[in-house]
Amino acid sequence: MARSKSSHRWMQRHVNDEYVKRSKREGYRSRAAYKLLEIQEKDRVLKPGQVVVDLGAAPGGWSQVAADIVGPSGDVIAIDLLDMDTVPGVTFIRDDFREDRAVDALAALLNGRPVDLVISDMAPNVSGVAAVDQPRAMHLVELALEFCDRHLKPGGGFVCKVFHGEGFDEWMREVKQRFGRAVTRKPKASRPNSREVYLVAGNYHS
């Protein structure tokens, strides 16, 4: 089947993308790794020895970055419905993080340890219709925030992709009720024409 013009344009942009080229050269699973690396450079959200949970982790670019920084004394647990190739230093749960069986698997892995940081680069499958895609995207970040309420330790952190649009301001108000610090970042690796930004929050309190 012949590619559509829009699909062809996307492929050309992807192939010529400097971060795609860097990710292949430097061994990262995706260009998204550089978004977290830029956030890390500015905000130092990741530290050696942390317990980190990566929601919607596949293909694993963020998990790679997290595992490199937390090191052998830390632990990275990645969760996704999609399969993900093994990442050194990362334990993978293939499941929906909202399901009881995923929660039980996570609890067994944590073995009573608190979660220091929740990270999420999740995005819905897009239809191209903003009235459909934005509510789906906001639903995901609401679920990620609920996950923090269940698992994040007092003083913990949260890094999450979120899209500007309907529901964004209300969600940010909820975040600020739970975290002592909450800012948004637009990494250089985030395409300029994308509405995505990244919440960086810290000092969690329930």
C-alpha atoms as a PDB file:
ATOM      1  CA  MET A   1       0.000   0.000   0.000  1.00  0.00           C
ATOM      2  CA  ALA A   2       1.379   3.436  -0.953  1.00  0.00           C
ATOM      3  CA  ARG A   3       2.089   5.834   1.881  1.00  0.00           C
ATOM      4  CA  SER A   4      -0.057   8.957   2.179  1.00  0.00           C
ATOM      5  CA  LYS A   5       1.634  12.322   1.682  1.00  0.00           C
ATOM      6  CA  SER A   6       1.365  13.102   5.397  1.00  0.00           C
ATOM      7  CA  SER A   7       2.878   9.716   6.290  1.00  0.00           C
ATOM      8  CA  HIS A   8       5.711  10.327   3.852  1.00  0.00           C
ATOM      9  CA  ARG A   9       6.389  13.776   5.346  1.00  0.00           C
ATOM     10  CA  TRP A  10       6.450  12.278   8.850  1.00  0.00           C
ATOM     11  CA  MET A  11       8.909   9.594   7.744  1.00  0.00           C
ATOM     12  CA  GLN A  12      11.195  12.155   6.100  1.00  0.00           C
ATOM     13  CA  ARG A  13      11.152  14.360   9.191  1.00  0.00           C
ATOM     14  CA  HIS A  14      11.800  11.370  11.420  1.00  0.00           C
ATOM     15  CA  VAL A  15      14.722  10.088   9.357  1.00  0.00           C
ATOM     16  CA  ASN A  16      16.304  13.558   9.245  1.00  0.00           C
ATOM     17  CA  ASP A  17      15.677  14.340  12.927  1.00  0.00           C
ATOM     18  CA  GLU A  18      18.961  15.068  14.745  1.00  0.00           C
ATOM     19  CA  TYR A  19      17.696  13.394  17.946  1.00  0.00           C
ATOM     20  CA  VAL A  20      16.704  10.246  16.051  1.00  0.00           C
ATOM     21  CA  LYS A  21      20.212  10.127  14.593  1.00  0.00           C
ATOM     22  CA  ARG A  22      21.765  10.707  18.019  1.00  0.00           C
ATOM     23  CA  SER A  23      19.631   8.018  19.656  1.00  0.00           C
ATOM     24  CA  LYS A  24      20.800   5.461  17.109  1.00  0.00           C
ATOM     25  CA  ARG A  25      24.406   6.568  17.464  1.00  0.00           C
ATOM     26  CA  GLU A  26      24.361   6.642  21.275  1.00  0.00           C
ATOM     27  CA  GLY A  27      22.292   3.506  21.835  1.00  0.00           C
ATOM     28  CA  TYR A  28      19.030   4.948  23.176  1.00  0.00           C
ATOM     29  CA  ARG A  29      15.745   3.256  22.361  1.00  0.00           C
ATOM     30  CA  SER A  30      14.060   6.485  21.273  1.00  0.00           C
ATOM     31  CA  ARG A  31      14.608  10.205  20.770  1.00  0.00           C
ATOM     32  CA  ALA A  32      12.473  10.725  23.902  1.00  0.00           C
ATOM     33  CA  ALA A  33      15.524   9.871  26.014  1.00  0.00           C
ATOM     34  CA  TYR A  34      16.923  13.336  25.280  1.00  0.00           C
ATOM     35  CA  LYS A  35      13.836  15.014  26.716  1.00  0.00           C
ATOM     36  CA  LEU A  36      14.445  13.351  30.065  1.00  0.00           C
ATOM     37  CA  LEU A  37      18.168  14.047  29.850  1.00  0.00           C
ATOM     38  CA  GLU A  38      17.448  17.763  29.335  1.00  0.00           C
ATOM     39  CA  ILE A  39      15.030  17.782  32.279  1.00  0.00           C
ATOM     40  CA  GLN A  40      17.633  16.002  34.377  1.00  0.00           C
ATOM     41  CA  GLU A  41      20.287  18.572  33.493  1.00  0.00           C
ATOM     42  CA  LYS A  42      18.029  21.415  34.673  1.00  0.00           C
ATOM     43  CA  ASP A  43      16.089  19.871  37.545  1.00  0.00           C
ATOM     44  CA  ARG A  44      18.165  16.915  38.822  1.00  0.00           C
ATOM     45  CA  VAL A  45      15.087  14.761  39.323  1.00  0.00           C
ATOM     46  CA  LEU A  46      17.036  11.481  39.169  1.00  0.00           C
ATOM     47  CA  LYS A  47      19.582  10.548  41.827  1.00  0.00           C
ATOM     48  CA  PRO A  48      21.680   7.458  42.591  1.00  0.00           C
ATOM     49  CA  GLY A  49      19.864   4.911  44.717  1.00  0.00           C
ATOM     50  CA  GLN A  50      16.318   6.014  43.898  1.00  0.00           C
ATOM     51  CA  VAL A  51      13.343   3.735  43.309  1.00  0.00           C
ATOM     52  CA  VAL A  52      11.753   4.923  40.065  1.00  0.00           C
ATOM     53  CA  VAL A  53       8.560   3.770  38.335  1.00  0.00           C
ATOM     54  CA  ASP A  54       8.251   4.459  34.582  1.00  0.00           C
ATOM     55  CA  LEU A  55       4.625   4.410  33.385  1.00  0.00           C
ATOM     56  CA  GLY A  56       3.975   3.615  29.732  1.00  0.00           C
ATOM     57  CA  ALA A  57       7.653   2.834  29.385  1.00  0.00           C
ATOM     58  CA  ALA A  58       7.947   1.147  25.964  1.00  0.00           C
ATOM     59  CA  PRO A  59      10.172   1.266  23.987  1.00  0.00           C
ATOM     60  CA  GLY A  60      12.349   2.100  27.000  1.00  0.00           C
ATOM     61  CA  GLY A  61      14.241   5.328  26.320  1.00  0.00           C
ATOM     62  CA  TRP A  62      13.276   6.911  29.648  1.00  0.00           C
ATOM     63  CA  SER A  63      13.949   3.671  31.524  1.00  0.00           C
ATOM     64  CA  GLN A  64      17.454   3.581  30.038  1.00  0.00           C
ATOM     65  CA  VAL A  65      18.207   7.104  31.249  1.00  0.00           C
ATOM     66  CA  ALA A  66      16.768   6.401  34.700  1.00  0.00           C
ATOM     67  CA  ALA A  67      18.677   3.137  35.134  1.00  0.00           C
ATOM     68  CA  ASP A  68      21.965   4.778  34.121  1.00  0.00           C
ATOM     69  CA  ILE A  69      21.551   7.487  36.756  1.00  0.00           C
ATOM     70  CA  VAL A  70      20.070   5.593  39.721  1.00  0.00           C
ATOM     71  CA  GLY A  71      22.757   2.950  39.260  1.00  0.00           C
ATOM     72  CA  PRO A  72      23.023  -0.492  40.889  1.00  0.00           C
ATOM     73  CA  SER A  73      21.956   0.837  44.281  1.00  0.00           C
ATOM     74  CA  GLY A  74      18.656   2.052  42.796  1.00  0.00           C
ATOM     75  CA  ASP A  75      15.777   0.313  41.089  1.00  0.00           C
ATOM     76  CA  VAL A  76      13.764   1.139  37.961  1.00  0.00           C
ATOM     77  CA  ILE A  77      10.431  -0.594  37.411  1.00  0.00           C
ATOM     78  CA  ALA A  78       8.882  -0.091  33.976  1.00  0.00           C
ATOM     79  CA  ILE A  79       5.209  -0.774  33.236  1.00  0.00           C
ATOM     80  CA  ASP A  80       3.529  -0.903  29.828  1.00  0.00           C
ATOM     81  CA  LEU A  81       0.803  -2.766  27.976  1.00  0.00           C
ATOM     82  CA  LEU A  82       3.201  -3.117  25.044  1.00  0.00           C
ATOM     83  CA  ASP A  83       6.133  -5.483  25.125  1.00  0.00           C
ATOM     84  CA  MET A  84       9.576  -4.006  25.753  1.00  0.00           C
ATOM     85  CA  ASP A  85      12.996  -5.504  25.132  1.00  0.00           C
ATOM     86  CA  THR A  86      15.128  -6.002  28.236  1.00  0.00           C
ATOM     87  CA  VAL A  87      16.892  -2.904  29.543  1.00  0.00           C
ATOM     88  CA  PRO A  88      19.852  -3.523  31.888  1.00  0.00           C
ATOM     89  CA  GLY A  89      18.951  -2.461  35.417  1.00  0.00           C
ATOM     90  CA  VAL A  90      15.212  -2.305  34.681  1.00  0.00           C
ATOM     91  CA  THR A  91      12.461  -4.684  35.820  1.00  0.00           C
ATOM     92  CA  PHE A  92       9.558  -4.774  33.387  1.00  0.00           C
ATOM     93  CA  ILE A  93       5.886  -5.442  34.117  1.00  0.00           C
ATOM     94  CA  ARG A  94       3.845  -5.987  30.964  1.00  0.00           C
ATOM     95  CA  ASP A  95       0.370  -4.913  32.042  1.00  0.00           C
ATOM     96  CA  ASP A  96      -2.032  -2.011  32.446  1.00  0.00           C
ATOM     97  CA  PHE A  97      -0.828  -0.058  35.493  1.00  0.00           C
ATOM     98  CA  ARG A  98      -4.455   0.518  36.503  1.00  0.00           C
ATOM     99  CA  GLU A  99      -5.175  -3.202  36.900  1.00  0.00           C
ATOM    100  CA  ASP A 100      -4.993  -4.963  40.278  1.00  0.00           C
ATOM    101  CA  ARG A 101      -2.577  -7.592  38.945  1.00  0.00           C
ATOM    102  CA  ALA A 102      -0.117  -4.854  37.907  1.00  0.00           C
ATOM    103  CA  VAL A 103      -0.464  -3.189  41.307  1.00  0.00           C
ATOM    104  CA  ASP A 104       0.153  -6.552  42.994  1.00  0.00           C
ATOM    105  CA  ALA A 105       3.212  -7.224  40.822  1.00  0.00           C
ATOM    106  CA  LEU A 106       4.571  -3.773  41.625  1.00  0.00           C
ATOM    107  CA  ALA A 107       3.978  -4.256  45.356  1.00  0.00           C
ATOM    108  CA  ALA A 108       5.861  -7.567  45.255  1.00  0.00           C
ATOM    109  CA  LEU A 109       8.816  -5.918  43.526  1.00  0.00           C
ATOM    110  CA  LEU A 110       8.853  -2.945  45.884  1.00  0.00           C
ATOM    111  CA  ASN A 111       8.671  -5.199  48.952  1.00  0.00           C
ATOM    112  CA  GLY A 112       7.735  -2.293  51.178  1.00  0.00           C
ATOM    113  CA  ARG A 113      10.139   0.246  49.685  1.00  0.00           C
ATOM    114  CA  PRO A 114       8.694   3.679  48.902  1.00  0.00           C
ATOM    115  CA  VAL A 115       8.734   5.089  45.366  1.00  0.00           C
ATOM    116  CA  ASP A 116      10.987   8.149  45.058  1.00  0.00           C
ATOM    117  CA  LEU A 117      10.021   9.219  41.545  1.00  0.00           C
ATOM    118  CA  VAL A 118       7.248   8.493  39.042  1.00  0.00           C
ATOM    119  CA  ILE A 119       8.026   9.273  35.399  1.00  0.00           C
ATOM    120  CA  SER A 120       5.642   9.092  32.454  1.00  0.00           C
ATOM    121  CA  ASP A 121       6.075   9.858  28.761  1.00  0.00           C
ATOM    122  CA  MET A 122       2.704   8.310  27.904  1.00  0.00           C
ATOM    123  CA  ALA A 123       0.561   9.602  25.063  1.00  0.00           C
ATOM    124  CA  PRO A 124      -2.652   8.209  23.583  1.00  0.00           C
ATOM    125  CA  ASN A 125      -2.957   6.846  20.081  1.00  0.00           C
ATOM    126  CA  VAL A 126      -3.852  10.010  18.179  1.00  0.00           C
ATOM    127  CA  SER A 127      -6.734  10.333  15.752  1.00  0.00           C
ATOM    128  CA  GLY A 128      -5.817  13.803  14.553  1.00  0.00           C
ATOM    129  CA  VAL A 129      -9.076  15.167  15.978  1.00  0.00           C
ATOM    130  CA  ALA A 130      -8.258  17.511  18.856  1.00  0.00           C
ATOM    131  CA  ALA A 131     -11.686  17.120  20.459  1.00  0.00           C
ATOM    132  CA  VAL A 132     -10.969  13.392  20.785  1.00  0.00           C
ATOM    133  CA  ASP A 133      -7.212  13.360  21.393  1.00  0.00           C
ATOM    134  CA  GLN A 134      -7.024  16.007  24.143  1.00  0.00           C
ATOM    135  CA  PRO A 135      -9.497  14.284  26.512  1.00  0.00           C
ATOM    136  CA  ARG A 136      -7.645  10.999  25.978  1.00  0.00           C
ATOM    137  CA  ALA A 137      -4.326  12.659  26.788  1.00  0.00           C
ATOM    138  CA  MET A 138      -5.730  14.347  29.903  1.00  0.00           C
ATOM    139  CA  HIS A 139      -7.230  11.064  31.071  1.00  0.00           C
ATOM    140  CA  LEU A 140      -3.777   9.474  30.984  1.00  0.00           C
ATOM    141  CA  VAL A 141      -2.146  12.217  33.059  1.00  0.00           C
ATOM    142  CA  GLU A 142      -5.016  12.085  35.552  1.00  0.00           C
ATOM    143  CA  LEU A 143      -4.371   8.355  35.924  1.00  0.00           C
ATOM    144  CA  ALA A 144      -0.648   9.012  36.376  1.00  0.00           C
ATOM    145  CA  LEU A 145      -1.401  11.525  39.130  1.00  0.00           C
ATOM    146  CA  GLU A 146      -3.691   8.998  40.830  1.00  0.00           C
ATOM    147  CA  PHE A 147      -0.823   6.499  40.643  1.00  0.00           C
ATOM    148  CA  CYS A 148       1.356   9.004  42.518  1.00  0.00           C
ATOM    149  CA  ASP A 149      -1.325   9.264  45.200  1.00  0.00           C
ATOM    150  CA  ARG A 150      -1.172   5.508  45.726  1.00  0.00           C
ATOM    151  CA  HIS A 151       2.560   4.875  45.505  1.00  0.00           C
ATOM    152  CA  LEU A 152       4.722   7.991  45.813  1.00  0.00           C
ATOM    153  CA  LYS A 153       6.504   8.651  49.088  1.00  0.00           C
ATOM    154  CA  PRO A 154       6.205  12.003  50.912  1.00  0.00           C
ATOM    155  CA  GLY A 155       8.724  14.360  49.357  1.00  0.00           C
ATOM    156  CA  GLY A 156       8.812  12.333  46.131  1.00  0.00           C
ATOM    157  CA  GLY A 157       8.861  13.601  42.560  1.00  0.00           C
ATOM    158  CA  PHE A 158       6.821  13.327  39.371  1.00  0.00           C
ATOM    159  CA  VAL A 159       7.812  13.966  35.731  1.00  0.00           C
ATOM    160  CA  CYS A 160       5.015  13.662  33.198  1.00  0.00           C
ATOM    161  CA  LYS A 161       4.244  14.560  29.603  1.00  0.00           C
ATOM    162  CA  VAL A 162       1.086  16.643  29.285  1.00  0.00           C
ATOM    163  CA  PHE A 163      -0.533  18.482  26.376  1.00  0.00           C
ATOM    164  CA  HIS A 164      -1.745  22.079  26.437  1.00  0.00           C
ATOM    165  CA  GLY A 165      -5.453  22.294  25.788  1.00  0.00           C
ATOM    166  CA  GLU A 166      -8.773  21.700  27.503  1.00  0.00           C
ATOM    167  CA  GLY A 167      -8.317  20.323  31.001  1.00  0.00           C
ATOM    168  CA  PHE A 168      -4.665  21.363  31.336  1.00  0.00           C
ATOM    169  CA  ASP A 169      -5.175  24.254  33.781  1.00  0.00           C
ATOM    170  CA  GLU A 170      -7.491  22.232  36.028  1.00  0.00           C
ATOM    171  CA  TRP A 171      -5.030  19.341  36.105  1.00  0.00           C
ATOM    172  CA  MET A 172      -2.152  21.665  36.987  1.00  0.00           C
ATOM    173  CA  ARG A 173      -4.174  23.004  39.914  1.00  0.00           C
ATOM    174  CA  GLU A 174      -4.602  19.427  41.170  1.00  0.00           C
ATOM    175  CA  VAL A 175      -0.857  18.836  40.819  1.00  0.00           C
ATOM    176  CA  LYS A 176      -0.039  21.977  42.793  1.00  0.00           C
ATOM    177  CA  GLN A 177      -2.331  20.845  45.611  1.00  0.00           C
ATOM    178  CA  ARG A 178      -0.200  17.708  45.971  1.00  0.00           C
ATOM    179  CA  PHE A 179       3.326  18.948  45.288  1.00  0.00           C
ATOM    180  CA  GLY A 180       5.331  21.725  46.877  1.00  0.00           C
ATOM    181  CA  ARG A 181       6.987  22.488  43.548  1.00  0.00           C
ATOM    182  CA  ALA A 182       5.482  22.172  40.072  1.00  0.00           C
ATOM    183  CA  VAL A 183       6.861  23.691  36.858  1.00  0.00           C
ATOM    184  CA  THR A 184       6.588  22.897  33.164  1.00  0.00           C
ATOM    185  CA  ARG A 185       9.495  22.442  30.779  1.00  0.00           C
ATOM    186  CA  LYS A 186       9.710  22.410  26.990  1.00  0.00           C
ATOM    187  CA  PRO A 187      12.918  20.502  26.185  1.00  0.00           C
ATOM    188  CA  LYS A 188      14.722  21.263  22.954  1.00  0.00           C
ATOM    189  CA  ALA A 189      14.172  17.626  21.978  1.00  0.00           C
ATOM    190  CA  SER A 190      10.410  18.264  22.040  1.00  0.00           C
ATOM    191  CA  ARG A 191       9.317  19.281  18.563  1.00  0.00           C
ATOM    192  CA  PRO A 192       8.446  23.006  18.480  1.00  0.00           C
ATOM    193  CA  ASN A 193       5.081  22.443  16.777  1.00  0.00           C
ATOM    194  CA  SER A 194       3.982  19.918  19.418  1.00  0.00           C
ATOM    195  CA  ARG A 195       1.633  21.013  22.216  1.00  0.00           C
ATOM    196  CA  GLU A 196       3.469  18.725  24.630  1.00  0.00           C
ATOM    197  CA  VAL A 197       5.219  20.075  27.697  1.00  0.00           C
ATOM    198  CA  TYR A 198       6.659  18.254  30.688  1.00  0.00           C
ATOM    199  CA  LEU A 199       5.521  18.673  34.242  1.00  0.00           C
ATOM    200  CA  VAL A 200       8.376  18.524  36.750  1.00  0.00           C
ATOM    201  CA  ALA A 201       7.028  18.287  40.287  1.00  0.00           C
ATOM    202  CA  GLY A 202       8.649  17.637  43.653  1.00  0.00           C
ATOM    203  CA  ASN A 203       8.050  17.588  47.405  1.00  0.00           C
ATOM    204  CA  TYR A 204       4.927  15.430  47.211  1.00  0.00           C
ATOM    205  CA  HIS A 205       2.453  15.645  50.077  1.00  0.00           C
ATOM    206  CA  SER A 206      -0.877  13.800  50.090  1.00  0.00           C
END
